[in-house]
Structure formats: C-alpha cells, structure tokens
Amino acid sequence: MTFYEARDRYKRGEGHFFDNETMMFWSSKVFPDLYGDRYFITSEPNYDGKDRRFTVREFTDNYTGVETVGDFRQYKTLSEATKAVKCLLQV
C-alpha cells in the first residue's frame, strides 16, 4: 500500500487530519513514505515558525484515524524520525 492509498482510505471516513485547513493551521508537511502500511512522518514548526521538527504518525486500524507516536515534534531531523519508525517496525 502507498501513503496515498492509506490517506484516501482515511479521507473516506470523517477525519480531518489531511484537510487543507488543518494542514495550513499547523503549517504541517507530510512526507509520503509509508512504513509498514501504517507509519508516516510529518513536520511542524514551533510557534514562531523558526524551528521545524518531525513527528511520527500512525494510521489506526482500518485507517479511520491518525495518532501521534511518541511526542509531537519529537525529532530534530527527518533522519531521526525515520530511524524511530524503523525501530517500531522491528518490535
């Protein structure tokens, strides 16, 4: 499954995570790699927009929701977030 297929399944429900308004409000960027058919990474800036950090996200069962794995903006780099996802997949 691709990220876009997973996102489309999610959008068929009533969630608003990927709505343009939500993405713009948080200034979120989505990285379209899907790991293990459920994990993906986003980035969001801090309050003044100068410090963008990365968050690991997970589609819930049946792609009806999106949850944060760990803390919001937990990782300083995309590489750190990607390593964290790969560790989750080894568990």
N, C-alpha and C. Protein backbone atom coordinates (compact mmCIF):
# COMPACT_ATOMS: atom_id res chain seq x y z
N MET A 1 0.85 -1.17 0.00
CA MET A 1 0.00 0.00 0.00
C MET A 1 0.89 1.24 0.00
N THR A 2 0.46 2.25 -0.69
CA THR A 2 1.19 3.51 -0.69
C THR A 2 0.59 4.46 0.35
N PHE A 3 1.31 5.52 0.65
CA PHE A 3 0.79 6.54 1.56
C PHE A 3 -0.51 7.11 1.00
N TYR A 4 -0.55 7.36 -0.28
CA TYR A 4 -1.72 7.99 -0.89
C TYR A 4 -2.96 7.08 -0.82
N GLU A 5 -2.76 5.78 -0.97
CA GLU A 5 -3.87 4.85 -0.81
C GLU A 5 -4.38 4.85 0.63
N ALA A 6 -3.45 4.87 1.60
CA ALA A 6 -3.84 4.91 3.01
C ALA A 6 -4.56 6.21 3.33
N ARG A 7 -4.04 7.32 2.81
CA ARG A 7 -4.68 8.62 3.04
C ARG A 7 -6.09 8.65 2.45
N ASP A 8 -6.25 8.08 1.27
CA ASP A 8 -7.58 8.06 0.64
C ASP A 8 -8.56 7.22 1.46
N ARG A 9 -8.10 6.11 2.01
CA ARG A 9 -8.97 5.32 2.90
C ARG A 9 -9.38 6.15 4.11
N TYR A 10 -8.41 6.84 4.69
CA TYR A 10 -8.70 7.70 5.85
C TYR A 10 -9.72 8.78 5.48
N LYS A 11 -9.54 9.41 4.35
CA LYS A 11 -10.42 10.51 3.94
C LYS A 11 -11.85 10.07 3.69
N ARG A 12 -12.06 8.79 3.41
CA ARG A 12 -13.42 8.30 3.22
C ARG A 12 -14.22 8.33 4.52
N GLY A 13 -13.52 8.37 5.64
CA GLY A 13 -14.18 8.48 6.95
C GLY A 13 -14.47 9.94 7.26
N GLU A 14 -14.56 10.24 8.53
CA GLU A 14 -14.92 11.59 8.94
C GLU A 14 -13.76 12.36 9.55
N GLY A 15 -12.54 11.88 9.36
CA GLY A 15 -11.38 12.56 9.92
C GLY A 15 -11.02 13.82 9.16
N HIS A 16 -10.28 14.69 9.82
CA HIS A 16 -9.91 15.97 9.21
C HIS A 16 -8.40 16.22 9.23
N PHE A 17 -7.62 15.21 9.57
CA PHE A 17 -6.18 15.39 9.70
C PHE A 17 -5.56 15.95 8.42
N PHE A 18 -5.98 15.48 7.26
CA PHE A 18 -5.38 15.87 5.99
C PHE A 18 -6.12 17.00 5.28
N ASP A 19 -7.13 17.57 5.91
CA ASP A 19 -7.83 18.70 5.30
C ASP A 19 -6.87 19.85 5.07
N ASN A 20 -7.04 20.57 3.98
CA ASN A 20 -6.16 21.71 3.69
C ASN A 20 -6.13 22.71 4.84
N GLU A 21 -7.29 22.97 5.42
CA GLU A 21 -7.37 23.94 6.52
C GLU A 21 -6.54 23.48 7.73
N THR A 22 -6.60 22.18 8.03
CA THR A 22 -5.83 21.64 9.15
C THR A 22 -4.34 21.73 8.87
N MET A 23 -3.95 21.33 7.68
CA MET A 23 -2.53 21.37 7.31
C MET A 23 -2.00 22.80 7.35
N MET A 24 -2.80 23.74 6.88
CA MET A 24 -2.37 25.14 6.88
C MET A 24 -2.32 25.70 8.30
N PHE A 25 -3.27 25.35 9.14
CA PHE A 25 -3.29 25.85 10.51
C PHE A 25 -2.01 25.46 11.25
N TRP A 26 -1.61 24.21 11.10
CA TRP A 26 -0.41 23.70 11.78
C TRP A 26 0.86 23.92 10.96
N SER A 27 0.74 24.42 9.75
CA SER A 27 1.88 24.52 8.81
C SER A 27 2.57 23.16 8.66
N SER A 28 1.76 22.12 8.61
CA SER A 28 2.28 20.75 8.54
C SER A 28 2.72 20.39 7.14
N LYS A 29 3.76 19.59 7.09
CA LYS A 29 4.21 18.98 5.84
C LYS A 29 4.19 17.48 6.07
N VAL A 30 3.68 16.75 5.08
CA VAL A 30 3.61 15.30 5.17
C VAL A 30 4.66 14.71 4.24
N PHE A 31 5.41 13.76 4.76
CA PHE A 31 6.40 13.04 3.95
C PHE A 31 5.73 11.75 3.50
N PRO A 32 5.56 11.55 2.18
CA PRO A 32 4.69 10.49 1.68
C PRO A 32 5.29 9.08 1.64
N ASP A 33 6.23 8.79 2.51
CA ASP A 33 6.69 7.41 2.62
C ASP A 33 5.83 6.74 3.68
N LEU A 34 5.32 5.55 3.38
CA LEU A 34 4.51 4.79 4.32
C LEU A 34 5.32 3.58 4.74
N TYR A 35 5.47 3.42 6.03
CA TYR A 35 6.27 2.32 6.58
C TYR A 35 5.33 1.31 7.23
N GLY A 36 5.49 0.05 6.86
CA GLY A 36 4.67 -1.00 7.45
C GLY A 36 3.18 -0.80 7.24
N ASP A 37 2.81 -0.16 6.18
CA ASP A 37 1.42 0.13 5.83
C ASP A 37 0.69 0.96 6.88
N ARG A 38 1.43 1.64 7.79
CA ARG A 38 0.73 2.41 8.82
C ARG A 38 1.44 3.64 9.35
N TYR A 39 2.76 3.70 9.30
CA TYR A 39 3.50 4.83 9.87
C TYR A 39 3.91 5.82 8.78
N PHE A 40 3.88 7.08 9.12
CA PHE A 40 4.39 8.12 8.24
C PHE A 40 4.91 9.26 9.12
N ILE A 41 5.52 10.24 8.49
CA ILE A 41 6.18 11.33 9.22
C ILE A 41 5.64 12.67 8.74
N THR A 42 5.44 13.57 9.69
CA THR A 42 5.08 14.95 9.37
C THR A 42 6.11 15.87 10.00
N SER A 43 6.09 17.13 9.57
CA SER A 43 6.91 18.14 10.24
C SER A 43 6.04 19.36 10.50
N GLU A 44 6.33 20.02 11.62
CA GLU A 44 5.60 21.21 12.03
C GLU A 44 6.58 22.19 12.66
N PRO A 45 6.35 23.49 12.46
CA PRO A 45 7.23 24.48 13.08
C PRO A 45 6.78 24.77 14.51
N ASN A 46 7.66 25.45 15.25
CA ASN A 46 7.25 25.93 16.58
C ASN A 46 6.40 27.18 16.41
N TYR A 47 6.07 27.83 17.50
CA TYR A 47 5.13 28.97 17.49
C TYR A 47 5.58 30.12 16.60
N ASP A 48 6.89 30.35 16.46
CA ASP A 48 7.35 31.47 15.63
C ASP A 48 7.79 31.03 14.23
N GLY A 49 7.65 29.74 13.94
CA GLY A 49 7.94 29.23 12.61
C GLY A 49 9.42 29.02 12.30
N LYS A 50 10.29 29.18 13.29
CA LYS A 50 11.73 29.10 13.02
C LYS A 50 12.33 27.72 13.27
N ASP A 51 11.65 26.89 14.02
CA ASP A 51 12.22 25.59 14.40
C ASP A 51 11.29 24.47 13.97
N ARG A 52 11.47 23.95 12.77
CA ARG A 52 10.63 22.87 12.24
C ARG A 52 11.19 21.55 12.75
N ARG A 53 10.30 20.74 13.31
CA ARG A 53 10.69 19.42 13.81
C ARG A 53 9.74 18.36 13.26
N PHE A 54 10.04 17.11 13.55
CA PHE A 54 9.37 15.98 12.90
C PHE A 54 8.60 15.13 13.92
N THR A 55 7.47 14.60 13.45
CA THR A 55 6.58 13.80 14.28
C THR A 55 6.27 12.50 13.56
N VAL A 56 6.33 11.40 14.28
CA VAL A 56 5.93 10.11 13.72
C VAL A 56 4.43 9.96 13.94
N ARG A 57 3.73 9.55 12.89
CA ARG A 57 2.27 9.37 12.93
C ARG A 57 1.94 7.93 12.55
N GLU A 58 0.75 7.51 12.98
CA GLU A 58 0.31 6.15 12.68
C GLU A 58 -1.17 6.15 12.30
N PHE A 59 -1.48 5.49 11.20
CA PHE A 59 -2.88 5.26 10.87
C PHE A 59 -3.40 4.20 11.83
N THR A 60 -4.58 4.41 12.38
CA THR A 60 -5.19 3.42 13.26
C THR A 60 -5.80 2.30 12.42
N ASP A 61 -6.31 1.29 13.11
CA ASP A 61 -6.93 0.16 12.41
C ASP A 61 -7.98 0.65 11.42
N ASN A 62 -8.02 0.01 10.29
CA ASN A 62 -8.96 0.34 9.22
C ASN A 62 -8.79 1.77 8.69
N TYR A 63 -7.69 2.42 9.04
CA TYR A 63 -7.37 3.75 8.52
C TYR A 63 -8.46 4.78 8.85
N THR A 64 -9.06 4.65 10.02
CA THR A 64 -10.12 5.58 10.43
C THR A 64 -9.58 6.74 11.26
N GLY A 65 -8.34 6.67 11.69
CA GLY A 65 -7.78 7.74 12.50
C GLY A 65 -6.28 7.87 12.28
N VAL A 66 -5.73 8.95 12.82
CA VAL A 66 -4.28 9.19 12.81
C VAL A 66 -3.88 9.52 14.23
N GLU A 67 -2.86 8.83 14.73
CA GLU A 67 -2.36 9.05 16.08
C GLU A 67 -0.91 9.50 16.02
N THR A 68 -0.50 10.27 17.01
CA THR A 68 0.90 10.64 17.16
C THR A 68 1.61 9.53 17.93
N VAL A 69 2.75 9.09 17.44
CA VAL A 69 3.55 8.08 18.11
C VAL A 69 4.68 8.81 18.82
N GLY A 70 4.73 8.70 20.13
CA GLY A 70 5.71 9.47 20.89
C GLY A 70 5.19 10.87 21.10
N ASP A 71 6.07 11.84 21.05
CA ASP A 71 5.70 13.23 21.30
C ASP A 71 5.59 14.03 20.01
N PHE A 72 4.74 15.03 20.04
CA PHE A 72 4.60 15.97 18.93
C PHE A 72 5.91 16.72 18.75
N ARG A 73 6.42 16.75 17.51
CA ARG A 73 7.68 17.44 17.18
C ARG A 73 8.86 16.86 17.95
N GLN A 74 8.87 15.57 18.16
CA GLN A 74 9.88 14.91 18.99
C GLN A 74 11.27 14.89 18.36
N TYR A 75 11.35 14.86 17.04
CA TYR A 75 12.64 14.64 16.38
C TYR A 75 13.15 15.90 15.68
N LYS A 76 14.45 16.13 15.82
CA LYS A 76 15.06 17.31 15.22
C LYS A 76 15.27 17.17 13.72
N THR A 77 15.43 15.94 13.26
CA THR A 77 15.70 15.73 11.84
C THR A 77 14.79 14.64 11.27
N LEU A 78 14.63 14.67 9.97
CA LEU A 78 13.87 13.62 9.29
C LEU A 78 14.56 12.29 9.47
N SER A 79 15.86 12.28 9.46
CA SER A 79 16.63 11.05 9.64
C SER A 79 16.34 10.42 11.00
N GLU A 80 16.28 11.22 12.05
CA GLU A 80 15.97 10.70 13.39
C GLU A 80 14.57 10.09 13.42
N ALA A 81 13.62 10.76 12.82
CA ALA A 81 12.24 10.26 12.79
C ALA A 81 12.16 8.96 11.99
N THR A 82 12.86 8.90 10.88
CA THR A 82 12.86 7.69 10.05
C THR A 82 13.47 6.52 10.82
N LYS A 83 14.54 6.75 11.54
CA LYS A 83 15.15 5.69 12.35
C LYS A 83 14.18 5.20 13.41
N ALA A 84 13.44 6.11 14.02
CA ALA A 84 12.47 5.73 15.04
C ALA A 84 11.38 4.84 14.46
N VAL A 85 10.91 5.17 13.26
CA VAL A 85 9.89 4.35 12.61
C VAL A 85 10.44 2.95 12.32
N LYS A 86 11.66 2.89 11.84
CA LYS A 86 12.26 1.59 11.52
C LYS A 86 12.42 0.75 12.78
N CYS A 87 12.70 1.38 13.90
CA CYS A 87 12.77 0.66 15.19
C CYS A 87 11.39 0.13 15.58
N LEU A 88 10.35 0.91 15.35
CA LEU A 88 8.99 0.45 15.65
C LEU A 88 8.64 -0.80 14.85
N LEU A 89 9.09 -0.85 13.64
CA LEU A 89 8.77 -1.98 12.78
C LEU A 89 9.50 -3.25 13.18
N GLN A 90 10.59 -3.13 13.91
CA GLN A 90 11.35 -4.30 14.35
C GLN A 90 10.80 -4.91 15.62
N VAL A 91 9.91 -4.20 16.29
CA VAL A 91 9.35 -4.70 17.56
C VAL A 91 8.37 -5.81 17.30
